[in-house]
Amino acid sequence: MEYEELNEFAQKVKAGEITNFEPYFRNQNQDQLRRLKQICILHEAYQEAYLDWASDGRDTWIQHMLAKHGYCLDTLIQAEDTYVRESALEQNIRLALKPGFIKENLGVVRAALMSSVDPDKEVLDAFVKEADEFKEYYNCEALYLKHTASKTAPTAIEKTMTPLQLYKVDSPLWTLPYTGEQVALVNQTLRDPLNDATADLVFGAIAEGAKTSGGLLDYMLRGQKENNGII
C-alpha cells in the first residue's frame, strides 16, 4: 500500500466512510498492517478487531498504542511486554489488584505508583505488603513514606507548615504534594546534617516539577543564568 493509498484510507476512516475494513487488511505485510491499525486506533475505528490485536504479542507497538488509548486493558495487563503492562496500569492502576499481579509485577506496579502524587490507597496498601519481601531488590523508601503519610492525620500546627518545614521535623506529611519520584530525589540528595541552602534548592526544584537529578541540575543552571542576567 503506497503513501497515497494510506492517506486515502486515513481520510475515509476519519470521515466514517468505511463499513467493511477486512478488504483493506488483506495481503498486507507487517509494516503496512501496523500503519492501518494505527490509523484505526487513532480514529477509534474498527474496534471489533482490537481484542485480536491486543492478544497478538508479536506487535508490542500496537499493544502499547491500544493501552495508551484505554482499550482492552484487561487483556493488555497480562501482556508479555513490560512496557505494555506499564501503559495499561497508567490507564487504570486498579488493575494491579488482580490476584497475584503485584507479586509477579512488583517493578511494574512500583513504576506506576512512583509517578503519582496521590496513588490509589488500596493499591499502595497491597504493594507495601508485598514489597517487604523484596526490599533487597527494590528501593521503595519513597512509597513507604507516602504510605505512612496517607495514614497520618496532621496536627493543627502541621496544617500550617510548608513541605520543607515538615521535612525538617521528620513528618512524612511532607511527601503528600509530590510524586514518589520526587520524594526519592529528595531522599537521595539531602543528607544529615541538613544544609539549609541545599534543602531550599532541592525543594524549589521539585516545586518546579523536577523528578530526577537531571531535572535538579537544569533547575540549578537556570537559577545561575538568571542570577547572571543571562535569561
C-alpha atoms as a PDB file:
ATOM      1  CA  MET A   1       0.000   0.000   0.000  1.00  0.00           C
ATOM      2  CA  GLU A   2       1.551   3.265  -1.151  1.00  0.00           C
ATOM      3  CA  TYR A   3       1.547   6.568   0.722  1.00  0.00           C
ATOM      4  CA  GLU A   4      -1.333   7.920  -1.371  1.00  0.00           C
ATOM      5  CA  GLU A   5      -3.426   4.836  -0.624  1.00  0.00           C
ATOM      6  CA  LEU A   6      -2.670   5.077   3.113  1.00  0.00           C
ATOM      7  CA  ASN A   7      -3.620   8.733   3.112  1.00  0.00           C
ATOM      8  CA  GLU A   8      -6.858   7.950   1.281  1.00  0.00           C
ATOM      9  CA  PHE A   9      -7.603   5.189   3.812  1.00  0.00           C
ATOM     10  CA  ALA A  10      -6.964   7.582   6.696  1.00  0.00           C
ATOM     11  CA  GLN A  11      -9.281  10.197   5.219  1.00  0.00           C
ATOM     12  CA  LYS A  12     -12.048   7.641   4.740  1.00  0.00           C
ATOM     13  CA  VAL A  13     -11.626   6.330   8.279  1.00  0.00           C
ATOM     14  CA  LYS A  14     -11.702   9.852   9.689  1.00  0.00           C
ATOM     15  CA  ALA A  15     -14.893  10.581   7.739  1.00  0.00           C
ATOM     16  CA  GLY A  16     -16.511   7.310   8.850  1.00  0.00           C
ATOM     17  CA  GLU A  17     -16.951   6.163   5.277  1.00  0.00           C
ATOM     18  CA  ILE A  18     -15.675   2.582   5.723  1.00  0.00           C
ATOM     19  CA  THR A  19     -18.079  -0.080   6.969  1.00  0.00           C
ATOM     20  CA  ASN A  20     -16.085  -3.159   5.917  1.00  0.00           C
ATOM     21  CA  PHE A  21     -12.417  -2.981   6.914  1.00  0.00           C
ATOM     22  CA  GLU A  22     -11.393  -6.548   6.089  1.00  0.00           C
ATOM     23  CA  PRO A  23     -10.556  -5.951   2.401  1.00  0.00           C
ATOM     24  CA  TYR A  24      -8.071  -3.236   3.388  1.00  0.00           C
ATOM     25  CA  PHE A  25      -6.197  -5.637   5.682  1.00  0.00           C
ATOM     26  CA  ARG A  26      -5.825  -8.469   3.170  1.00  0.00           C
ATOM     27  CA  ASN A  27      -2.491  -9.208   1.523  1.00  0.00           C
ATOM     28  CA  GLN A  28      -0.550  -6.606   3.515  1.00  0.00           C
ATOM     29  CA  ASN A  29       2.900  -7.024   5.025  1.00  0.00           C
ATOM     30  CA  GLN A  30       3.549  -6.413   8.734  1.00  0.00           C
ATOM     31  CA  ASP A  31       4.613  -2.780   8.307  1.00  0.00           C
ATOM     32  CA  GLN A  32       1.527  -1.979   6.270  1.00  0.00           C
ATOM     33  CA  LEU A  33      -0.725  -3.735   8.754  1.00  0.00           C
ATOM     34  CA  ARG A  34       0.771  -1.719  11.583  1.00  0.00           C
ATOM     35  CA  ARG A  35       0.097   1.559   9.754  1.00  0.00           C
ATOM     36  CA  LEU A  36      -3.501   0.545   9.065  1.00  0.00           C
ATOM     37  CA  LYS A  37      -4.027  -0.434  12.691  1.00  0.00           C
ATOM     38  CA  GLN A  38      -2.501   2.829  13.909  1.00  0.00           C
ATOM     39  CA  ILE A  39      -4.899   4.826  11.755  1.00  0.00           C
ATOM     40  CA  CYS A  40      -7.862   2.843  13.043  1.00  0.00           C
ATOM     41  CA  ILE A  41      -6.879   3.272  16.691  1.00  0.00           C
ATOM     42  CA  LEU A  42      -6.240   6.999  16.298  1.00  0.00           C
ATOM     43  CA  HIS A  43      -9.738   7.438  14.878  1.00  0.00           C
ATOM     44  CA  GLU A  44     -11.440   4.856  17.143  1.00  0.00           C
ATOM     45  CA  ALA A  45     -12.425   2.786  14.135  1.00  0.00           C
ATOM     46  CA  TYR A  46     -12.730  -0.986  13.540  1.00  0.00           C
ATOM     47  CA  GLN A  47     -12.928  -1.592  17.298  1.00  0.00           C
ATOM     48  CA  GLU A  48     -14.224  -5.132  16.828  1.00  0.00           C
ATOM     49  CA  ALA A  49     -10.658  -6.084  15.855  1.00  0.00           C
ATOM     50  CA  TYR A  50      -8.954  -4.534  18.883  1.00  0.00           C
ATOM     51  CA  LEU A  51      -9.125  -7.597  21.110  1.00  0.00           C
ATOM     52  CA  ASP A  52      -7.368  -9.704  18.482  1.00  0.00           C
ATOM     53  CA  TRP A  53      -4.699  -7.023  18.084  1.00  0.00           C
ATOM     54  CA  ALA A  54      -4.275  -6.748  21.851  1.00  0.00           C
ATOM     55  CA  SER A  55      -3.790 -10.506  22.104  1.00  0.00           C
ATOM     56  CA  ASP A  56      -1.090 -10.539  19.421  1.00  0.00           C
ATOM     57  CA  GLY A  57       2.223 -10.229  21.257  1.00  0.00           C
ATOM     58  CA  ARG A  58       4.178 -10.021  18.009  1.00  0.00           C
ATOM     59  CA  ASP A  59       3.420  -6.308  17.696  1.00  0.00           C
ATOM     60  CA  THR A  60       4.052  -4.673  21.052  1.00  0.00           C
ATOM     61  CA  TRP A  61       3.818  -1.204  19.492  1.00  0.00           C
ATOM     62  CA  ILE A  62       0.144  -1.775  18.634  1.00  0.00           C
ATOM     63  CA  GLN A  63      -0.443  -3.279  22.084  1.00  0.00           C
ATOM     64  CA  HIS A  64       1.124  -0.190  23.646  1.00  0.00           C
ATOM     65  CA  MET A  65      -0.953   2.120  21.459  1.00  0.00           C
ATOM     66  CA  LEU A  66      -4.163   0.323  22.426  1.00  0.00           C
ATOM     67  CA  ALA A  67      -3.246   0.596  26.101  1.00  0.00           C
ATOM     68  CA  LYS A  68      -2.429   4.312  25.787  1.00  0.00           C
ATOM     69  CA  HIS A  69      -5.884   4.863  24.321  1.00  0.00           C
ATOM     70  CA  GLY A  70      -7.549   2.834  27.076  1.00  0.00           C
ATOM     71  CA  TYR A  71      -8.596  -0.202  25.020  1.00  0.00           C
ATOM     72  CA  CYS A  72      -8.514  -3.888  26.033  1.00  0.00           C
ATOM     73  CA  LEU A  73      -6.821  -3.155  29.364  1.00  0.00           C
ATOM     74  CA  ASP A  74      -7.905  -6.452  30.950  1.00  0.00           C
ATOM     75  CA  THR A  75      -6.034  -8.253  28.169  1.00  0.00           C
ATOM     76  CA  LEU A  76      -3.039  -5.936  27.939  1.00  0.00           C
ATOM     77  CA  ILE A  77      -2.366  -6.059  31.682  1.00  0.00           C
ATOM     78  CA  GLN A  78      -1.336  -9.672  31.032  1.00  0.00           C
ATOM     79  CA  ALA A  79       0.894  -8.835  28.041  1.00  0.00           C
ATOM     80  CA  GLU A  80       4.365 -10.338  27.936  1.00  0.00           C
ATOM     81  CA  ASP A  81       5.972  -6.958  27.284  1.00  0.00           C
ATOM     82  CA  THR A  82       6.676  -4.944  30.457  1.00  0.00           C
ATOM     83  CA  TYR A  83       6.198  -1.596  28.719  1.00  0.00           C
ATOM     84  CA  VAL A  84       2.715  -2.631  27.581  1.00  0.00           C
ATOM     85  CA  ARG A  85       1.733  -3.665  31.104  1.00  0.00           C
ATOM     86  CA  GLU A  86       3.022  -0.329  32.426  1.00  0.00           C
ATOM     87  CA  SER A  87       0.921   1.508  29.848  1.00  0.00           C
ATOM     88  CA  ALA A  88      -2.184  -0.426  30.866  1.00  0.00           C
ATOM     89  CA  LEU A  89      -1.574   0.385  34.536  1.00  0.00           C
ATOM     90  CA  GLU A  90      -1.172   4.069  33.694  1.00  0.00           C
ATOM     91  CA  GLN A  91      -4.731   3.987  32.400  1.00  0.00           C
ATOM     92  CA  ASN A  92      -6.163   2.024  35.331  1.00  0.00           C
ATOM     93  CA  ILE A  93      -3.887   1.396  38.305  1.00  0.00           C
ATOM     94  CA  ARG A  94      -6.569  -0.706  39.994  1.00  0.00           C
ATOM     95  CA  LEU A  95      -5.877  -3.480  37.515  1.00  0.00           C
ATOM     96  CA  ALA A  96      -2.924  -4.200  39.799  1.00  0.00           C
ATOM     97  CA  LEU A  97      -5.388  -5.585  42.343  1.00  0.00           C
ATOM     98  CA  LYS A  98      -5.953  -8.697  40.234  1.00  0.00           C
ATOM     99  CA  PRO A  99      -4.971 -11.714  42.376  1.00  0.00           C
ATOM    100  CA  GLY A 100      -1.223 -12.329  42.284  1.00  0.00           C
ATOM    101  CA  PHE A 101      -0.486  -9.437  39.918  1.00  0.00           C
ATOM    102  CA  ILE A 102       1.521  -7.233  42.279  1.00  0.00           C
ATOM    103  CA  LYS A 103       3.801 -10.039  43.443  1.00  0.00           C
ATOM    104  CA  GLU A 104       4.504 -11.075  39.864  1.00  0.00           C
ATOM    105  CA  ASN A 105       4.903  -7.482  38.608  1.00  0.00           C
ATOM    106  CA  LEU A 106       6.405  -5.610  41.531  1.00  0.00           C
ATOM    107  CA  GLY A 107       8.641  -3.411  39.374  1.00  0.00           C
ATOM    108  CA  VAL A 108       5.803  -2.501  37.005  1.00  0.00           C
ATOM    109  CA  VAL A 109       3.454  -1.549  39.850  1.00  0.00           C
ATOM    110  CA  ARG A 110       6.227   0.356  41.623  1.00  0.00           C
ATOM    111  CA  ALA A 111       6.850   2.446  38.497  1.00  0.00           C
ATOM    112  CA  ALA A 112       3.154   3.294  38.197  1.00  0.00           C
ATOM    113  CA  LEU A 113       2.862   4.256  41.861  1.00  0.00           C
ATOM    114  CA  MET A 114       6.083   6.288  41.811  1.00  0.00           C
ATOM    115  CA  SER A 115       4.732   8.534  39.049  1.00  0.00           C
ATOM    116  CA  SER A 116       1.640   9.555  41.020  1.00  0.00           C
ATOM    117  CA  VAL A 117       1.178  12.385  43.517  1.00  0.00           C
ATOM    118  CA  ASP A 118      -1.867  10.693  45.005  1.00  0.00           C
ATOM    119  CA  PRO A 119      -1.507   6.939  44.389  1.00  0.00           C
ATOM    120  CA  ASP A 120      -4.528   4.700  44.794  1.00  0.00           C
ATOM    121  CA  LYS A 121      -4.591   3.882  48.503  1.00  0.00           C
ATOM    122  CA  GLU A 122      -5.780   0.295  48.097  1.00  0.00           C
ATOM    123  CA  VAL A 123      -3.102  -0.473  45.517  1.00  0.00           C
ATOM    124  CA  LEU A 124      -0.456   1.243  47.651  1.00  0.00           C
ATOM    125  CA  ASP A 125      -1.521  -0.787  50.698  1.00  0.00           C
ATOM    126  CA  ALA A 126      -1.292  -4.026  48.742  1.00  0.00           C
ATOM    127  CA  PHE A 127       2.047  -3.032  47.213  1.00  0.00           C
ATOM    128  CA  VAL A 128       3.644  -2.236  50.590  1.00  0.00           C
ATOM    129  CA  LYS A 129       2.602  -5.628  51.948  1.00  0.00           C
ATOM    130  CA  GLU A 130       4.225  -7.403  49.008  1.00  0.00           C
ATOM    131  CA  ALA A 131       7.282  -5.151  48.790  1.00  0.00           C
ATOM    132  CA  ASP A 132       8.524  -6.049  52.270  1.00  0.00           C
ATOM    133  CA  GLU A 133       9.578  -9.422  50.894  1.00  0.00           C
ATOM    134  CA  PHE A 134      11.682  -7.839  48.123  1.00  0.00           C
ATOM    135  CA  LYS A 135      13.382  -4.898  49.863  1.00  0.00           C
ATOM    136  CA  GLU A 136      16.820  -6.055  48.725  1.00  0.00           C
ATOM    137  CA  TYR A 137      15.777  -5.789  45.076  1.00  0.00           C
ATOM    138  CA  TYR A 138      13.673  -2.606  45.001  1.00  0.00           C
ATOM    139  CA  ASN A 139      14.154   0.765  46.686  1.00  0.00           C
ATOM    140  CA  CYS A 140      10.683   1.528  47.984  1.00  0.00           C
ATOM    141  CA  GLU A 141      11.525   4.094  50.665  1.00  0.00           C
ATOM    142  CA  ALA A 142       9.615   6.862  48.877  1.00  0.00           C
ATOM    143  CA  LEU A 143       6.470   4.756  48.635  1.00  0.00           C
ATOM    144  CA  TYR A 144       6.773   3.654  52.262  1.00  0.00           C
ATOM    145  CA  LEU A 145       6.895   7.336  53.242  1.00  0.00           C
ATOM    146  CA  LYS A 146       3.869   8.209  51.107  1.00  0.00           C
ATOM    147  CA  HIS A 147       2.031   5.205  52.511  1.00  0.00           C
ATOM    148  CA  THR A 148       2.730   6.365  56.072  1.00  0.00           C
ATOM    149  CA  ALA A 149       1.718   9.928  55.175  1.00  0.00           C
ATOM    150  CA  SER A 150      -1.597   8.735  53.750  1.00  0.00           C
ATOM    151  CA  LYS A 151      -2.441   7.256  57.140  1.00  0.00           C
ATOM    152  CA  THR A 152      -1.193  10.204  59.221  1.00  0.00           C
ATOM    153  CA  ALA A 153      -3.606  12.873  60.429  1.00  0.00           C
ATOM    154  CA  PRO A 154      -1.889  16.283  60.510  1.00  0.00           C
ATOM    155  CA  THR A 155      -1.888  18.286  63.717  1.00  0.00           C
ATOM    156  CA  ALA A 156      -3.168  21.843  63.762  1.00  0.00           C
ATOM    157  CA  ILE A 157       0.413  23.117  63.536  1.00  0.00           C
ATOM    158  CA  GLU A 158       1.377  20.716  60.731  1.00  0.00           C
ATOM    159  CA  LYS A 159      -1.522  22.029  58.641  1.00  0.00           C
ATOM    160  CA  THR A 160       0.181  25.435  58.592  1.00  0.00           C
ATOM    161  CA  MET A 161       3.654  24.146  57.703  1.00  0.00           C
ATOM    162  CA  THR A 162       5.352  24.018  54.303  1.00  0.00           C
ATOM    163  CA  PRO A 163       6.657  20.716  52.907  1.00  0.00           C
ATOM    164  CA  LEU A 164      10.219  21.786  53.708  1.00  0.00           C
ATOM    165  CA  GLN A 165       9.274  22.614  57.289  1.00  0.00           C
ATOM    166  CA  LEU A 166       7.561  19.229  57.603  1.00  0.00           C
ATOM    167  CA  TYR A 167      10.664  17.552  56.181  1.00  0.00           C
ATOM    168  CA  LYS A 168      12.861  19.241  58.770  1.00  0.00           C
ATOM    169  CA  VAL A 169      10.744  17.859  61.646  1.00  0.00           C
ATOM    170  CA  ASP A 170      10.707  14.349  60.128  1.00  0.00           C
ATOM    171  CA  SER A 171       6.986  14.360  59.383  1.00  0.00           C
ATOM    172  CA  PRO A 172       6.060  12.035  56.475  1.00  0.00           C
ATOM    173  CA  LEU A 173       3.375  14.551  55.543  1.00  0.00           C
ATOM    174  CA  TRP A 174       5.970  16.475  53.521  1.00  0.00           C
ATOM    175  CA  THR A 175       5.652  13.827  50.804  1.00  0.00           C
ATOM    176  CA  LEU A 176       1.955  14.406  50.043  1.00  0.00           C
ATOM    177  CA  PRO A 177       2.302  17.109  47.323  1.00  0.00           C
ATOM    178  CA  TYR A 178       4.939  15.151  45.412  1.00  0.00           C
ATOM    179  CA  THR A 179       5.274  12.048  43.292  1.00  0.00           C
ATOM    180  CA  GLY A 180       7.255   9.095  44.569  1.00  0.00           C
ATOM    181  CA  GLU A 181       9.938  10.035  42.044  1.00  0.00           C
ATOM    182  CA  GLN A 182      10.262  13.486  43.600  1.00  0.00           C
ATOM    183  CA  VAL A 183      10.307  12.053  47.127  1.00  0.00           C
ATOM    184  CA  ALA A 184      13.104   9.722  46.059  1.00  0.00           C
ATOM    185  CA  LEU A 185      15.034  12.669  44.585  1.00  0.00           C
ATOM    186  CA  VAL A 186      14.858  14.496  47.914  1.00  0.00           C
ATOM    187  CA  ASN A 187      15.921  11.407  49.843  1.00  0.00           C
ATOM    188  CA  GLN A 188      18.847  10.796  47.517  1.00  0.00           C
ATOM    189  CA  THR A 189      20.030  14.422  47.538  1.00  0.00           C
ATOM    190  CA  LEU A 190      19.658  15.636  51.111  1.00  0.00           C
ATOM    191  CA  ARG A 191      21.803  14.162  53.853  1.00  0.00           C
ATOM    192  CA  ASP A 192      22.376  14.756  57.559  1.00  0.00           C
ATOM    193  CA  PRO A 193      23.435  17.208  58.765  1.00  0.00           C
ATOM    194  CA  LEU A 194      20.936  19.145  56.641  1.00  0.00           C
ATOM    195  CA  ASN A 195      22.286  22.111  54.715  1.00  0.00           C
ATOM    196  CA  ASP A 196      19.536  24.744  54.589  1.00  0.00           C
ATOM    197  CA  ALA A 197      20.677  26.253  51.287  1.00  0.00           C
ATOM    198  CA  THR A 198      20.736  22.843  49.611  1.00  0.00           C
ATOM    199  CA  ALA A 199      17.349  21.968  51.063  1.00  0.00           C
ATOM    200  CA  ASP A 200      15.851  25.216  49.756  1.00  0.00           C
ATOM    201  CA  LEU A 201      17.289  24.479  46.313  1.00  0.00           C
ATOM    202  CA  VAL A 202      16.017  20.894  46.170  1.00  0.00           C
ATOM    203  CA  PHE A 203      12.519  21.756  47.352  1.00  0.00           C
ATOM    204  CA  GLY A 204      12.443  24.679  44.944  1.00  0.00           C
ATOM    205  CA  ALA A 205      13.370  22.324  42.123  1.00  0.00           C
ATOM    206  CA  ILE A 206      10.672  19.758  42.863  1.00  0.00           C
ATOM    207  CA  ALA A 207       8.120  22.552  43.260  1.00  0.00           C
ATOM    208  CA  GLU A 208       9.009  23.416  39.643  1.00  0.00           C
ATOM    209  CA  GLY A 209       8.485  19.795  38.597  1.00  0.00           C
ATOM    210  CA  ALA A 210      11.961  18.262  38.845  1.00  0.00           C
ATOM    211  CA  LYS A 211      11.790  14.474  39.237  1.00  0.00           C
ATOM    212  CA  THR A 212      15.359  13.375  38.523  1.00  0.00           C
ATOM    213  CA  SER A 213      18.912  14.508  39.212  1.00  0.00           C
ATOM    214  CA  GLY A 214      18.932  15.817  35.637  1.00  0.00           C
ATOM    215  CA  GLY A 215      15.868  17.943  36.369  1.00  0.00           C
ATOM    216  CA  LEU A 216      17.539  19.212  39.526  1.00  0.00           C
ATOM    217  CA  LEU A 217      20.652  20.156  37.556  1.00  0.00           C
ATOM    218  CA  ASP A 218      18.557  22.001  34.951  1.00  0.00           C
ATOM    219  CA  TYR A 219      16.882  23.969  37.747  1.00  0.00           C
ATOM    220  CA  MET A 220      20.252  24.905  39.216  1.00  0.00           C
ATOM    221  CA  LEU A 221      21.613  26.019  35.830  1.00  0.00           C
ATOM    222  CA  ARG A 222      18.529  28.142  35.144  1.00  0.00           C
ATOM    223  CA  GLY A 223      18.976  29.792  38.521  1.00  0.00           C
ATOM    224  CA  GLN A 224      22.625  30.553  37.774  1.00  0.00           C
ATOM    225  CA  LYS A 225      21.753  32.088  34.398  1.00  0.00           C
ATOM    226  CA  GLU A 226      19.026  34.232  35.941  1.00  0.00           C
ATOM    227  CA  ASN A 227      21.427  35.433  38.653  1.00  0.00           C
ATOM    228  CA  ASN A 228      23.986  36.305  35.994  1.00  0.00           C
ATOM    229  CA  GLY A 229      21.396  38.171  33.932  1.00  0.00           C
ATOM    230  CA  ILE A 230      21.645  35.730  31.009  1.00  0.00           C
ATOM    231  CA  ILE A 231      17.927  34.945  30.969  1.00  0.00           C
END
